[in-house]
Amino acid sequence: MTLADGQAHYLLHVLRLGTGATFRLFNETDGEWLAQIMAARKRDVTLHCERKLRDAERLPDIDYLFAPLKHARLDYLAQKATEMGAGRLRPVITRRTVAERVNVERLRSNVIEAAEQCNLVALPQVLEPQPLDHVIAAWPKERKLIFCDESARGSNPLSVLQGLEPGPLGLLIGPEGGFAPEEQKLLSSQSFVTIISLGPRIMRADTAAVAVLALVQAVLGDWR
């Protein structure tokens, strides 16, 4: 097989591998393989897959919904959500979303980078952004949606999560300015929504992403 462009550049000029070098190669369909560089040219490399090391992993059925942030903090969020085992990353546009555009390809690049760095053999799906009200209108009722509400203080999030049955999940984190009152009303009126608090302190959105994914993976996900 042949790798070109960015992947070839990464092997040759970042990892500084040459002809005869071996490394681990993976995708979310075929799993992980031990590969050897057979020929290295300026713009591409030819590889030989010697043997399979691992099957592709199955990610937890968790949709991670988030209001897009700006640049570096959105990169961080995508990387950490990948490392924590989210199955899908779903940008949602809210009334107070700050970022005007979402670079989906950049999100996918961050997902791949996080998987490479953490030796994962799975990639979460990255979906196109949608308005929050459209997402809620089309939400499948059998998939529980956990809504992290900074105004819902006093309840123990672990106790709330332990009261839910394992199954398909969604997690929703709002923008830096929080959800608008009409959005909170919309969410709290849905039968499939479970509201949790993330403690007495208001977190930044990228911090909340890691906190809620850790809680959910520990109680309902594949950390059990």
N, C-alpha and C. Protein backbone atom coordinates (compact mmCIF):
# COMPACT_ATOMS: atom_id res chain seq x y z
N MET A 1 0.83 -1.19 0.00
CA MET A 1 0.00 0.00 0.00
C MET A 1 0.88 1.25 0.00
N THR A 2 0.27 2.38 -0.38
CA THR A 2 1.01 3.64 -0.48
C THR A 2 0.34 4.71 0.38
N LEU A 3 1.13 5.46 1.10
CA LEU A 3 0.67 6.64 1.83
C LEU A 3 1.26 7.87 1.18
N ALA A 4 0.46 8.92 1.09
CA ALA A 4 0.93 10.14 0.43
C ALA A 4 0.64 11.36 1.29
N ASP A 5 1.14 12.50 0.83
CA ASP A 5 0.86 13.82 1.41
C ASP A 5 1.19 13.86 2.91
N GLY A 6 0.18 14.24 3.74
CA GLY A 6 0.44 14.49 5.15
C GLY A 6 0.93 13.27 5.91
N GLN A 7 0.38 12.10 5.60
CA GLN A 7 0.80 10.89 6.31
C GLN A 7 2.24 10.52 5.96
N ALA A 8 2.60 10.66 4.68
CA ALA A 8 3.98 10.38 4.28
C ALA A 8 4.94 11.39 4.92
N HIS A 9 4.55 12.65 4.94
CA HIS A 9 5.38 13.69 5.56
C HIS A 9 5.60 13.39 7.04
N TYR A 10 4.52 12.95 7.72
CA TYR A 10 4.63 12.65 9.16
C TYR A 10 5.63 11.52 9.41
N LEU A 11 5.55 10.47 8.60
CA LEU A 11 6.47 9.34 8.78
C LEU A 11 7.91 9.73 8.51
N LEU A 12 8.13 10.45 7.41
CA LEU A 12 9.50 10.72 6.96
C LEU A 12 10.16 11.88 7.67
N HIS A 13 9.38 12.93 7.97
CA HIS A 13 9.99 14.16 8.46
C HIS A 13 9.69 14.50 9.93
N VAL A 14 8.63 13.90 10.48
CA VAL A 14 8.34 14.12 11.90
C VAL A 14 8.90 12.94 12.71
N LEU A 15 8.52 11.73 12.32
CA LEU A 15 9.06 10.55 13.01
C LEU A 15 10.46 10.19 12.53
N ARG A 16 10.84 10.73 11.36
CA ARG A 16 12.17 10.50 10.77
C ARG A 16 12.44 9.01 10.54
N LEU A 17 11.45 8.34 9.98
CA LEU A 17 11.61 6.93 9.61
C LEU A 17 12.07 6.82 8.16
N GLY A 18 12.81 5.80 7.85
CA GLY A 18 13.29 5.59 6.49
C GLY A 18 13.00 4.18 6.02
N THR A 19 13.51 3.85 4.85
CA THR A 19 13.30 2.53 4.27
C THR A 19 13.76 1.43 5.24
N GLY A 20 12.91 0.44 5.42
CA GLY A 20 13.21 -0.67 6.32
C GLY A 20 12.66 -0.50 7.72
N ALA A 21 12.27 0.72 8.09
CA ALA A 21 11.73 0.96 9.43
C ALA A 21 10.34 0.35 9.58
N THR A 22 10.02 -0.09 10.76
CA THR A 22 8.70 -0.63 11.05
C THR A 22 7.96 0.30 12.02
N PHE A 23 6.65 0.28 11.92
CA PHE A 23 5.82 1.11 12.79
C PHE A 23 4.42 0.51 12.82
N ARG A 24 3.57 1.03 13.72
CA ARG A 24 2.20 0.54 13.83
C ARG A 24 1.28 1.42 12.99
N LEU A 25 0.41 0.75 12.23
CA LEU A 25 -0.52 1.41 11.32
C LEU A 25 -1.93 0.94 11.66
N PHE A 26 -2.91 1.84 11.72
CA PHE A 26 -4.25 1.40 12.06
C PHE A 26 -5.30 2.22 11.31
N ASN A 27 -6.50 1.64 11.21
CA ASN A 27 -7.70 2.39 10.89
C ASN A 27 -8.86 1.76 11.65
N GLU A 28 -10.01 2.39 11.61
CA GLU A 28 -11.13 1.93 12.43
C GLU A 28 -11.86 0.73 11.82
N THR A 29 -11.44 0.28 10.65
CA THR A 29 -12.07 -0.87 10.00
C THR A 29 -11.20 -2.13 10.10
N ASP A 30 -9.93 -2.00 9.76
CA ASP A 30 -9.03 -3.16 9.65
C ASP A 30 -8.20 -3.41 10.91
N GLY A 31 -8.25 -2.51 11.88
CA GLY A 31 -7.48 -2.69 13.10
C GLY A 31 -6.05 -2.19 12.97
N GLU A 32 -5.18 -2.71 13.81
CA GLU A 32 -3.79 -2.26 13.87
C GLU A 32 -2.85 -3.32 13.27
N TRP A 33 -1.90 -2.85 12.48
CA TRP A 33 -0.95 -3.75 11.80
C TRP A 33 0.47 -3.26 12.03
N LEU A 34 1.40 -4.20 12.02
CA LEU A 34 2.81 -3.86 11.98
C LEU A 34 3.19 -3.68 10.51
N ALA A 35 3.66 -2.48 10.18
CA ALA A 35 3.98 -2.17 8.78
C ALA A 35 5.46 -1.83 8.64
N GLN A 36 5.98 -2.07 7.46
CA GLN A 36 7.38 -1.74 7.16
C GLN A 36 7.43 -0.84 5.93
N ILE A 37 8.30 0.17 5.99
CA ILE A 37 8.49 1.06 4.84
C ILE A 37 9.37 0.36 3.82
N MET A 38 8.82 0.12 2.65
CA MET A 38 9.56 -0.56 1.58
C MET A 38 10.27 0.42 0.67
N ALA A 39 9.68 1.59 0.47
CA ALA A 39 10.30 2.61 -0.38
C ALA A 39 9.84 3.98 0.09
N ALA A 40 10.77 4.92 0.17
CA ALA A 40 10.46 6.28 0.61
C ALA A 40 10.84 7.25 -0.50
N ARG A 41 9.84 7.99 -0.98
CA ARG A 41 10.07 9.00 -2.00
C ARG A 41 9.73 10.37 -1.44
N LYS A 42 9.82 11.36 -2.25
CA LYS A 42 9.65 12.73 -1.77
C LYS A 42 8.23 12.97 -1.26
N ARG A 43 7.23 12.45 -1.97
CA ARG A 43 5.85 12.76 -1.64
C ARG A 43 5.03 11.56 -1.18
N ASP A 44 5.59 10.37 -1.20
CA ASP A 44 4.83 9.21 -0.75
C ASP A 44 5.77 8.11 -0.29
N VAL A 45 5.19 7.14 0.42
CA VAL A 45 5.94 5.98 0.87
C VAL A 45 5.15 4.73 0.54
N THR A 46 5.86 3.66 0.21
CA THR A 46 5.24 2.35 -0.04
C THR A 46 5.45 1.47 1.18
N LEU A 47 4.38 0.82 1.63
CA LEU A 47 4.42 0.03 2.85
C LEU A 47 4.08 -1.42 2.58
N HIS A 48 4.54 -2.27 3.49
CA HIS A 48 4.12 -3.67 3.51
C HIS A 48 3.59 -3.97 4.90
N CYS A 49 2.33 -4.43 4.96
CA CYS A 49 1.73 -4.79 6.25
C CYS A 49 2.14 -6.21 6.60
N GLU A 50 2.96 -6.35 7.62
CA GLU A 50 3.55 -7.65 7.94
C GLU A 50 2.59 -8.56 8.71
N ARG A 51 1.95 -8.03 9.76
CA ARG A 51 1.02 -8.87 10.52
C ARG A 51 0.07 -7.99 11.32
N LYS A 52 -1.09 -8.56 11.59
CA LYS A 52 -2.11 -7.84 12.35
C LYS A 52 -1.79 -7.92 13.84
N LEU A 53 -1.88 -6.78 14.53
CA LEU A 53 -1.60 -6.72 15.95
C LEU A 53 -2.86 -6.69 16.81
N ARG A 54 -3.86 -5.94 16.37
CA ARG A 54 -5.10 -5.82 17.14
C ARG A 54 -6.28 -5.60 16.20
N ASP A 55 -7.44 -6.08 16.62
CA ASP A 55 -8.67 -5.76 15.89
C ASP A 55 -9.08 -4.32 16.21
N ALA A 56 -9.91 -3.77 15.34
CA ALA A 56 -10.47 -2.45 15.60
C ALA A 56 -11.31 -2.49 16.87
N GLU A 57 -11.27 -1.42 17.65
CA GLU A 57 -12.02 -1.34 18.89
C GLU A 57 -13.44 -0.83 18.63
N ARG A 58 -14.34 -1.23 19.47
CA ARG A 58 -15.71 -0.71 19.41
C ARG A 58 -15.87 0.36 20.49
N LEU A 59 -16.17 1.57 20.07
CA LEU A 59 -16.31 2.66 21.03
C LEU A 59 -17.67 2.60 21.73
N PRO A 60 -17.76 3.13 22.95
CA PRO A 60 -19.05 3.22 23.63
C PRO A 60 -20.04 4.04 22.80
N ASP A 61 -21.31 3.69 22.91
CA ASP A 61 -22.35 4.38 22.14
C ASP A 61 -22.72 5.69 22.84
N ILE A 62 -21.77 6.62 22.80
CA ILE A 62 -21.93 7.91 23.48
C ILE A 62 -21.78 9.04 22.46
N ASP A 63 -22.84 9.82 22.31
CA ASP A 63 -22.77 11.04 21.50
C ASP A 63 -22.32 12.18 22.42
N TYR A 64 -21.27 12.87 22.02
CA TYR A 64 -20.83 14.02 22.81
C TYR A 64 -21.21 15.29 22.05
N LEU A 65 -22.16 16.05 22.60
CA LEU A 65 -22.67 17.27 21.97
C LEU A 65 -22.09 18.47 22.69
N PHE A 66 -21.58 19.41 21.93
CA PHE A 66 -20.91 20.56 22.53
C PHE A 66 -21.11 21.80 21.66
N ALA A 67 -21.18 22.94 22.32
CA ALA A 67 -21.18 24.22 21.61
C ALA A 67 -19.74 24.53 21.22
N PRO A 68 -19.48 24.77 19.94
CA PRO A 68 -18.09 24.97 19.49
C PRO A 68 -17.40 26.14 20.21
N LEU A 69 -16.12 25.93 20.48
CA LEU A 69 -15.27 26.96 21.07
C LEU A 69 -14.34 27.49 19.99
N LYS A 70 -13.46 28.37 20.38
CA LYS A 70 -12.52 28.94 19.41
C LYS A 70 -11.20 28.19 19.41
N HIS A 71 -10.73 27.86 18.24
CA HIS A 71 -9.38 27.40 17.91
C HIS A 71 -8.79 26.41 18.91
N ALA A 72 -7.78 26.83 19.66
CA ALA A 72 -7.00 25.89 20.46
C ALA A 72 -7.85 25.16 21.48
N ARG A 73 -8.83 25.81 22.07
CA ARG A 73 -9.65 25.16 23.08
C ARG A 73 -10.58 24.12 22.44
N LEU A 74 -11.01 24.36 21.21
CA LEU A 74 -11.80 23.36 20.50
C LEU A 74 -10.92 22.17 20.11
N ASP A 75 -9.67 22.43 19.74
CA ASP A 75 -8.73 21.34 19.48
C ASP A 75 -8.58 20.46 20.71
N TYR A 76 -8.40 21.10 21.86
CA TYR A 76 -8.24 20.37 23.12
C TYR A 76 -9.48 19.53 23.40
N LEU A 77 -10.65 20.11 23.22
CA LEU A 77 -11.89 19.39 23.51
C LEU A 77 -12.01 18.15 22.64
N ALA A 78 -11.72 18.28 21.34
CA ALA A 78 -11.82 17.14 20.43
C ALA A 78 -10.84 16.04 20.81
N GLN A 79 -9.62 16.45 21.18
CA GLN A 79 -8.61 15.46 21.55
C GLN A 79 -9.02 14.72 22.82
N LYS A 80 -9.47 15.46 23.84
CA LYS A 80 -9.82 14.81 25.11
C LYS A 80 -11.07 13.94 24.98
N ALA A 81 -12.05 14.37 24.21
CA ALA A 81 -13.24 13.55 24.00
C ALA A 81 -12.87 12.24 23.32
N THR A 82 -11.91 12.29 22.39
CA THR A 82 -11.43 11.08 21.73
C THR A 82 -10.74 10.16 22.73
N GLU A 83 -9.85 10.72 23.53
CA GLU A 83 -9.12 9.92 24.52
C GLU A 83 -10.06 9.30 25.55
N MET A 84 -11.15 10.01 25.88
CA MET A 84 -12.07 9.53 26.91
C MET A 84 -13.09 8.53 26.38
N GLY A 85 -13.12 8.30 25.05
CA GLY A 85 -13.95 7.24 24.52
C GLY A 85 -15.30 7.65 23.97
N ALA A 86 -15.50 8.91 23.60
CA ALA A 86 -16.76 9.30 22.97
C ALA A 86 -16.90 8.60 21.62
N GLY A 87 -18.11 8.17 21.29
CA GLY A 87 -18.32 7.49 20.02
C GLY A 87 -18.57 8.43 18.86
N ARG A 88 -19.16 9.58 19.15
CA ARG A 88 -19.44 10.59 18.11
C ARG A 88 -19.26 11.98 18.71
N LEU A 89 -18.69 12.88 17.95
CA LEU A 89 -18.57 14.29 18.34
C LEU A 89 -19.57 15.08 17.50
N ARG A 90 -20.46 15.80 18.19
CA ARG A 90 -21.55 16.50 17.50
C ARG A 90 -21.57 17.97 17.90
N PRO A 91 -21.02 18.86 17.09
CA PRO A 91 -21.12 20.29 17.39
C PRO A 91 -22.58 20.76 17.28
N VAL A 92 -23.02 21.53 18.26
CA VAL A 92 -24.37 22.10 18.22
C VAL A 92 -24.28 23.62 18.38
N ILE A 93 -25.08 24.32 17.62
CA ILE A 93 -25.07 25.78 17.65
C ILE A 93 -26.18 26.25 18.59
N THR A 94 -25.79 26.99 19.62
CA THR A 94 -26.74 27.51 20.59
C THR A 94 -26.84 29.03 20.45
N ARG A 95 -27.74 29.62 21.22
CA ARG A 95 -27.92 31.07 21.15
C ARG A 95 -26.65 31.83 21.54
N ARG A 96 -25.87 31.25 22.44
CA ARG A 96 -24.68 31.95 22.94
C ARG A 96 -23.37 31.33 22.45
N THR A 97 -23.44 30.53 21.40
CA THR A 97 -22.22 29.97 20.83
C THR A 97 -21.35 31.11 20.31
N VAL A 98 -20.06 31.08 20.70
CA VAL A 98 -19.14 32.17 20.34
C VAL A 98 -18.54 31.95 18.96
N ALA A 99 -18.09 30.74 18.69
CA ALA A 99 -17.43 30.46 17.42
C ALA A 99 -18.43 30.60 16.28
N GLU A 100 -18.05 31.35 15.25
CA GLU A 100 -18.96 31.60 14.14
C GLU A 100 -18.98 30.45 13.14
N ARG A 101 -17.86 29.74 13.00
CA ARG A 101 -17.78 28.63 12.05
C ARG A 101 -17.13 27.43 12.73
N VAL A 102 -17.41 26.26 12.21
CA VAL A 102 -16.81 25.03 12.73
C VAL A 102 -16.04 24.37 11.60
N ASN A 103 -14.74 24.21 11.80
CA ASN A 103 -13.90 23.54 10.81
C ASN A 103 -13.92 22.04 11.12
N VAL A 104 -14.82 21.32 10.44
CA VAL A 104 -15.02 19.90 10.72
C VAL A 104 -13.77 19.11 10.38
N GLU A 105 -13.09 19.48 9.32
CA GLU A 105 -11.86 18.75 8.96
C GLU A 105 -10.78 18.92 10.01
N ARG A 106 -10.71 20.09 10.61
CA ARG A 106 -9.74 20.30 11.69
C ARG A 106 -10.11 19.45 12.90
N LEU A 107 -11.41 19.34 13.18
CA LEU A 107 -11.84 18.47 14.28
C LEU A 107 -11.42 17.03 14.01
N ARG A 108 -11.63 16.57 12.77
CA ARG A 108 -11.24 15.19 12.42
C ARG A 108 -9.73 15.00 12.55
N SER A 109 -8.97 15.99 12.16
CA SER A 109 -7.52 15.89 12.29
C SER A 109 -7.10 15.75 13.74
N ASN A 110 -7.78 16.48 14.63
CA ASN A 110 -7.46 16.38 16.05
C ASN A 110 -7.86 15.02 16.62
N VAL A 111 -8.95 14.46 16.12
CA VAL A 111 -9.37 13.13 16.53
C VAL A 111 -8.30 12.10 16.15
N ILE A 112 -7.82 12.18 14.91
CA ILE A 112 -6.80 11.24 14.44
C ILE A 112 -5.51 11.39 15.25
N GLU A 113 -5.12 12.64 15.50
CA GLU A 113 -3.89 12.88 16.26
C GLU A 113 -3.99 12.30 17.66
N ALA A 114 -5.15 12.50 18.31
CA ALA A 114 -5.32 11.96 19.66
C ALA A 114 -5.28 10.43 19.65
N ALA A 115 -5.90 9.82 18.66
CA ALA A 115 -5.88 8.36 18.56
C ALA A 115 -4.46 7.84 18.35
N GLU A 116 -3.69 8.53 17.53
CA GLU A 116 -2.30 8.13 17.29
C GLU A 116 -1.46 8.26 18.55
N GLN A 117 -1.63 9.37 19.26
CA GLN A 117 -0.83 9.62 20.45
C GLN A 117 -1.15 8.63 21.57
N CYS A 118 -2.40 8.19 21.64
CA CYS A 118 -2.84 7.34 22.75
C CYS A 118 -2.95 5.86 22.37
N ASN A 119 -2.46 5.52 21.18
CA ASN A 119 -2.44 4.12 20.75
C ASN A 119 -3.83 3.52 20.72
N LEU A 120 -4.81 4.30 20.26
CA LEU A 120 -6.18 3.80 20.11
C LEU A 120 -6.33 3.11 18.76
N VAL A 121 -7.27 2.19 18.67
CA VAL A 121 -7.56 1.54 17.40
C VAL A 121 -9.04 1.78 17.09
N ALA A 122 -9.44 3.04 17.21
CA ALA A 122 -10.81 3.45 16.95
C ALA A 122 -10.82 4.96 16.75
N LEU A 123 -11.76 5.43 15.97
CA LEU A 123 -11.93 6.87 15.74
C LEU A 123 -13.39 7.23 15.94
N PRO A 124 -13.69 8.19 16.81
CA PRO A 124 -15.08 8.64 16.89
C PRO A 124 -15.49 9.36 15.61
N GLN A 125 -16.76 9.24 15.30
CA GLN A 125 -17.30 9.94 14.14
C GLN A 125 -17.45 11.42 14.46
N VAL A 126 -17.15 12.29 13.51
CA VAL A 126 -17.33 13.74 13.67
C VAL A 126 -18.45 14.19 12.76
N LEU A 127 -19.51 14.72 13.33
CA LEU A 127 -20.68 15.13 12.56
C LEU A 127 -20.64 16.62 12.24
N GLU A 128 -21.39 17.00 11.24
CA GLU A 128 -21.53 18.41 10.88
C GLU A 128 -22.32 19.14 11.96
N PRO A 129 -22.05 20.43 12.18
CA PRO A 129 -22.79 21.18 13.20
C PRO A 129 -24.26 21.34 12.84
N GLN A 130 -25.10 21.37 13.88
CA GLN A 130 -26.53 21.59 13.71
C GLN A 130 -27.04 22.51 14.82
N PRO A 131 -28.09 23.28 14.56
CA PRO A 131 -28.70 24.07 15.63
C PRO A 131 -29.25 23.16 16.73
N LEU A 132 -29.15 23.60 17.95
CA LEU A 132 -29.59 22.78 19.09
C LEU A 132 -31.06 22.38 18.97
N ASP A 133 -31.94 23.31 18.58
CA ASP A 133 -33.36 22.96 18.51
C ASP A 133 -33.64 21.90 17.46
N HIS A 134 -32.87 21.88 16.36
CA HIS A 134 -33.03 20.84 15.35
C HIS A 134 -32.60 19.48 15.90
N VAL A 135 -31.51 19.49 16.65
CA VAL A 135 -31.01 18.24 17.24
C VAL A 135 -32.05 17.65 18.19
N ILE A 136 -32.61 18.49 19.05
CA ILE A 136 -33.60 18.01 20.02
C ILE A 136 -34.86 17.52 19.33
N ALA A 137 -35.28 18.21 18.28
CA ALA A 137 -36.50 17.81 17.57
C ALA A 137 -36.36 16.42 16.93
N ALA A 138 -35.14 16.08 16.51
CA ALA A 138 -34.91 14.79 15.83
C ALA A 138 -34.32 13.74 16.76
N TRP A 139 -34.24 14.03 18.05
CA TRP A 139 -33.55 13.12 18.98
C TRP A 139 -34.34 11.83 19.15
N PRO A 140 -33.68 10.66 19.02
CA PRO A 140 -34.38 9.38 19.25
C PRO A 140 -34.70 9.20 20.73
N LYS A 141 -35.94 8.91 21.04
CA LYS A 141 -36.41 8.89 22.43
C LYS A 141 -35.74 7.79 23.25
N GLU A 142 -35.24 6.73 22.59
CA GLU A 142 -34.61 5.64 23.34
C GLU A 142 -33.18 5.99 23.79
N ARG A 143 -32.62 7.08 23.28
CA ARG A 143 -31.27 7.50 23.66
C ARG A 143 -31.36 8.58 24.74
N LYS A 144 -30.89 8.27 25.92
CA LYS A 144 -30.92 9.26 26.99
C LYS A 144 -29.95 10.39 26.70
N LEU A 145 -30.34 11.60 27.05
CA LEU A 145 -29.48 12.77 26.88
C LEU A 145 -29.20 13.37 28.24
N ILE A 146 -27.94 13.39 28.62
CA ILE A 146 -27.52 13.96 29.91
C ILE A 146 -27.13 15.40 29.68
N PHE A 147 -27.83 16.29 30.31
CA PHE A 147 -27.68 17.73 30.13
C PHE A 147 -26.98 18.30 31.36
N CYS A 148 -25.79 18.83 31.16
CA CYS A 148 -25.00 19.41 32.26
C CYS A 148 -25.42 20.86 32.45
N ASP A 149 -26.15 21.11 33.53
CA ASP A 149 -26.74 22.42 33.79
C ASP A 149 -26.05 23.06 34.99
N GLU A 150 -25.37 24.19 34.75
CA GLU A 150 -24.64 24.84 35.84
C GLU A 150 -25.57 25.40 36.91
N SER A 151 -26.85 25.54 36.59
CA SER A 151 -27.80 26.05 37.60
C SER A 151 -28.39 24.94 38.46
N ALA A 152 -28.12 23.68 38.14
CA ALA A 152 -28.69 22.54 38.88
C ALA A 152 -27.76 22.12 40.00
N ARG A 153 -27.41 23.01 40.88
CA ARG A 153 -26.49 22.69 41.95
C ARG A 153 -27.21 22.01 43.11
N GLY A 154 -26.46 21.20 43.84
CA GLY A 154 -27.03 20.54 45.00
C GLY A 154 -27.27 19.07 44.81
N SER A 155 -27.48 18.64 43.55
CA SER A 155 -27.68 17.21 43.31
C SER A 155 -26.34 16.53 43.08
N ASN A 156 -26.22 15.30 43.55
CA ASN A 156 -24.99 14.54 43.38
C ASN A 156 -25.02 13.88 42.00
N PRO A 157 -24.12 14.25 41.08
CA PRO A 157 -24.19 13.69 39.73
C PRO A 157 -24.00 12.18 39.69
N LEU A 158 -23.18 11.64 40.60
CA LEU A 158 -22.99 10.20 40.64
C LEU A 158 -24.28 9.47 40.99
N SER A 159 -25.02 10.00 41.96
CA SER A 159 -26.28 9.38 42.35
C SER A 159 -27.29 9.42 41.20
N VAL A 160 -27.33 10.53 40.49
CA VAL A 160 -28.26 10.65 39.36
C VAL A 160 -27.89 9.65 38.27
N LEU A 161 -26.60 9.56 37.93
CA LEU A 161 -26.17 8.66 36.87
C LEU A 161 -26.36 7.19 37.26
N GLN A 162 -26.16 6.88 38.52
CA GLN A 162 -26.34 5.50 38.98
C GLN A 162 -27.80 5.06 38.90
N GLY A 163 -28.71 6.01 38.80
CA GLY A 163 -30.12 5.68 38.66
C GLY A 163 -30.54 5.40 37.23
N LEU A 164 -29.62 5.55 36.27
CA LEU A 164 -29.93 5.31 34.87
C LEU A 164 -29.48 3.92 34.44
N GLU A 165 -30.20 3.34 33.50
CA GLU A 165 -29.80 2.06 32.94
C GLU A 165 -28.76 2.28 31.86
N PRO A 166 -27.71 1.43 31.77
CA PRO A 166 -26.75 1.55 30.68
C PRO A 166 -27.44 1.40 29.33
N GLY A 167 -26.94 2.09 28.35
CA GLY A 167 -27.51 2.04 27.01
C GLY A 167 -27.04 3.22 26.20
N PRO A 168 -27.62 3.46 25.03
CA PRO A 168 -27.21 4.60 24.19
C PRO A 168 -27.37 5.92 24.94
N LEU A 169 -26.35 6.75 24.85
CA LEU A 169 -26.33 7.99 25.62
C LEU A 169 -25.93 9.18 24.75
N GLY A 170 -26.34 10.34 25.19
CA GLY A 170 -25.81 11.59 24.68
C GLY A 170 -25.42 12.46 25.86
N LEU A 171 -24.36 13.24 25.71
CA LEU A 171 -23.93 14.20 26.72
C LEU A 171 -23.93 15.58 26.09
N LEU A 172 -24.48 16.55 26.78
CA LEU A 172 -24.59 17.90 26.22
C LEU A 172 -23.90 18.91 27.13
N ILE A 173 -22.91 19.60 26.58
CA ILE A 173 -22.20 20.68 27.27
C ILE A 173 -22.50 21.99 26.54
N GLY A 174 -22.81 23.02 27.29
CA GLY A 174 -23.19 24.29 26.68
C GLY A 174 -22.02 25.20 26.37
N PRO A 175 -22.32 26.39 25.88
CA PRO A 175 -21.28 27.37 25.55
C PRO A 175 -20.75 28.06 26.81
N GLU A 176 -19.74 28.89 26.62
CA GLU A 176 -19.14 29.59 27.76
C GLU A 176 -20.15 30.43 28.52
N GLY A 177 -21.09 31.04 27.82
CA GLY A 177 -22.07 31.89 28.48
C GLY A 177 -23.27 31.14 29.01
N GLY A 178 -23.26 29.80 28.91
CA GLY A 178 -24.38 28.99 29.36
C GLY A 178 -25.52 28.97 28.35
N PHE A 179 -26.50 28.16 28.62
CA PHE A 179 -27.66 28.08 27.74
C PHE A 179 -28.59 29.26 27.99
N ALA A 180 -29.25 29.71 26.94
CA ALA A 180 -30.28 30.75 27.07
C ALA A 180 -31.48 30.16 27.81
N PRO A 181 -32.29 31.01 28.50
CA PRO A 181 -33.44 30.50 29.26
C PRO A 181 -34.38 29.64 28.43
N GLU A 182 -34.62 30.03 27.17
CA GLU A 182 -35.52 29.23 26.34
C GLU A 182 -34.93 27.87 25.98
N GLU A 183 -33.60 27.80 25.92
CA GLU A 183 -32.94 26.52 25.66
C GLU A 183 -33.02 25.61 26.89
N GLN A 184 -32.81 26.19 28.06
CA GLN A 184 -32.96 25.41 29.29
C GLN A 184 -34.38 24.87 29.43
N LYS A 185 -35.37 25.70 29.08
CA LYS A 185 -36.77 25.27 29.16
C LYS A 185 -37.03 24.13 28.18
N LEU A 186 -36.51 24.27 26.96
CA LEU A 186 -36.68 23.23 25.95
C LEU A 186 -36.09 21.90 26.43
N LEU A 187 -34.88 21.95 26.96
CA LEU A 187 -34.21 20.73 27.39
C LEU A 187 -34.91 20.09 28.59
N SER A 188 -35.26 20.89 29.56
CA SER A 188 -35.86 20.34 30.79
C SER A 188 -37.25 19.76 30.55
N SER A 189 -37.88 20.10 29.43
CA SER A 189 -39.22 19.59 29.14
C SER A 189 -39.22 18.26 28.39
N GLN A 190 -38.05 17.77 28.03
CA GLN A 190 -37.97 16.53 27.26
C GLN A 190 -37.89 15.31 28.17
N SER A 191 -38.68 14.28 27.85
CA SER A 191 -38.71 13.08 28.69
C SER A 191 -37.40 12.31 28.66
N PHE A 192 -36.61 12.46 27.59
CA PHE A 192 -35.37 11.70 27.46
C PHE A 192 -34.17 12.41 28.09
N VAL A 193 -34.37 13.61 28.62
CA VAL A 193 -33.28 14.41 29.18
C VAL A 193 -33.14 14.16 30.68
N THR A 194 -31.90 13.94 31.11
CA THR A 194 -31.56 13.86 32.53
C THR A 194 -30.61 15.01 32.85
N ILE A 195 -30.95 15.81 33.84
CA ILE A 195 -30.15 16.98 34.20
C ILE A 195 -29.21 16.61 35.34
N ILE A 196 -27.93 16.96 35.18
CA ILE A 196 -26.97 16.75 36.27
C ILE A 196 -26.19 18.04 36.52
N SER A 197 -25.66 18.12 37.71
CA SER A 197 -24.75 19.19 38.10
C SER A 197 -23.31 18.68 38.02
N LEU A 198 -22.39 19.58 37.76
CA LEU A 198 -20.97 19.22 37.80
C LEU A 198 -20.28 19.87 39.00
N GLY A 199 -21.04 20.03 40.07
CA GLY A 199 -20.43 20.51 41.30
C GLY A 199 -20.65 21.98 41.55
N PRO A 200 -20.05 22.50 42.64
CA PRO A 200 -20.32 23.86 43.08
C PRO A 200 -19.60 24.94 42.28
N ARG A 201 -18.66 24.55 41.43
CA ARG A 201 -17.89 25.53 40.67
C ARG A 201 -18.30 25.51 39.19
N ILE A 202 -18.38 26.67 38.59
CA ILE A 202 -18.67 26.75 37.16
C ILE A 202 -17.39 26.48 36.39
N MET A 203 -17.42 25.48 35.54
CA MET A 203 -16.24 25.10 34.77
C MET A 203 -16.28 25.72 33.37
N ARG A 204 -15.11 25.89 32.81
CA ARG A 204 -15.04 26.22 31.40
C ARG A 204 -15.50 25.00 30.61
N ALA A 205 -15.97 25.25 29.38
CA ALA A 205 -16.60 24.18 28.60
C ALA A 205 -15.65 23.03 28.33
N ASP A 206 -14.38 23.31 28.06
CA ASP A 206 -13.45 22.22 27.76
C ASP A 206 -13.11 21.41 29.02
N THR A 207 -13.13 22.04 30.19
CA THR A 207 -12.95 21.31 31.44
C THR A 207 -14.16 20.44 31.74
N ALA A 208 -15.35 21.01 31.53
CA ALA A 208 -16.58 20.25 31.75
C ALA A 208 -16.65 19.02 30.86
N ALA A 209 -16.10 19.11 29.66
CA ALA A 209 -16.09 17.97 28.73
C ALA A 209 -15.39 16.79 29.35
N VAL A 210 -14.22 17.01 29.93
CA VAL A 210 -13.46 15.93 30.54
C VAL A 210 -14.17 15.42 31.79
N ALA A 211 -14.71 16.33 32.60
CA ALA A 211 -15.35 15.95 33.86
C ALA A 211 -16.56 15.05 33.61
N VAL A 212 -17.43 15.44 32.71
CA VAL A 212 -18.66 14.66 32.51
C VAL A 212 -18.36 13.34 31.82
N LEU A 213 -17.42 13.31 30.90
CA LEU A 213 -17.07 12.05 30.25
C LEU A 213 -16.47 11.07 31.25
N ALA A 214 -15.67 11.57 32.19
CA ALA A 214 -15.11 10.69 33.22
C ALA A 214 -16.22 10.11 34.10
N LEU A 215 -17.16 10.95 34.49
CA LEU A 215 -18.28 10.48 35.32
C LEU A 215 -19.09 9.42 34.59
N VAL A 216 -19.45 9.70 33.35
CA VAL A 216 -20.32 8.79 32.60
C VAL A 216 -19.60 7.49 32.28
N GLN A 217 -18.34 7.57 31.89
CA GLN A 217 -17.60 6.34 31.58
C GLN A 217 -17.45 5.47 32.83
N ALA A 218 -17.27 6.09 33.99
CA ALA A 218 -17.11 5.33 35.23
C ALA A 218 -18.40 4.65 35.67
N VAL A 219 -19.54 5.30 35.44
CA VAL A 219 -20.82 4.77 35.94
C VAL A 219 -21.57 3.96 34.88
N LEU A 220 -21.57 4.45 33.62
CA LEU A 220 -22.40 3.83 32.59
C LEU A 220 -21.61 3.33 31.37
N GLY A 221 -20.34 3.71 31.26
CA GLY A 221 -19.57 3.40 30.07
C GLY A 221 -18.67 2.20 30.22
N ASP A 222 -17.54 2.22 29.50
CA ASP A 222 -16.66 1.04 29.48
C ASP A 222 -15.54 1.09 30.52
N TRP A 223 -15.68 1.98 31.53
CA TRP A 223 -14.75 1.94 32.66
C TRP A 223 -15.26 1.03 33.77
N ARG A 224 -16.51 0.59 33.65
CA ARG A 224 -17.09 -0.21 34.74
C ARG A 224 -16.38 -1.55 34.91
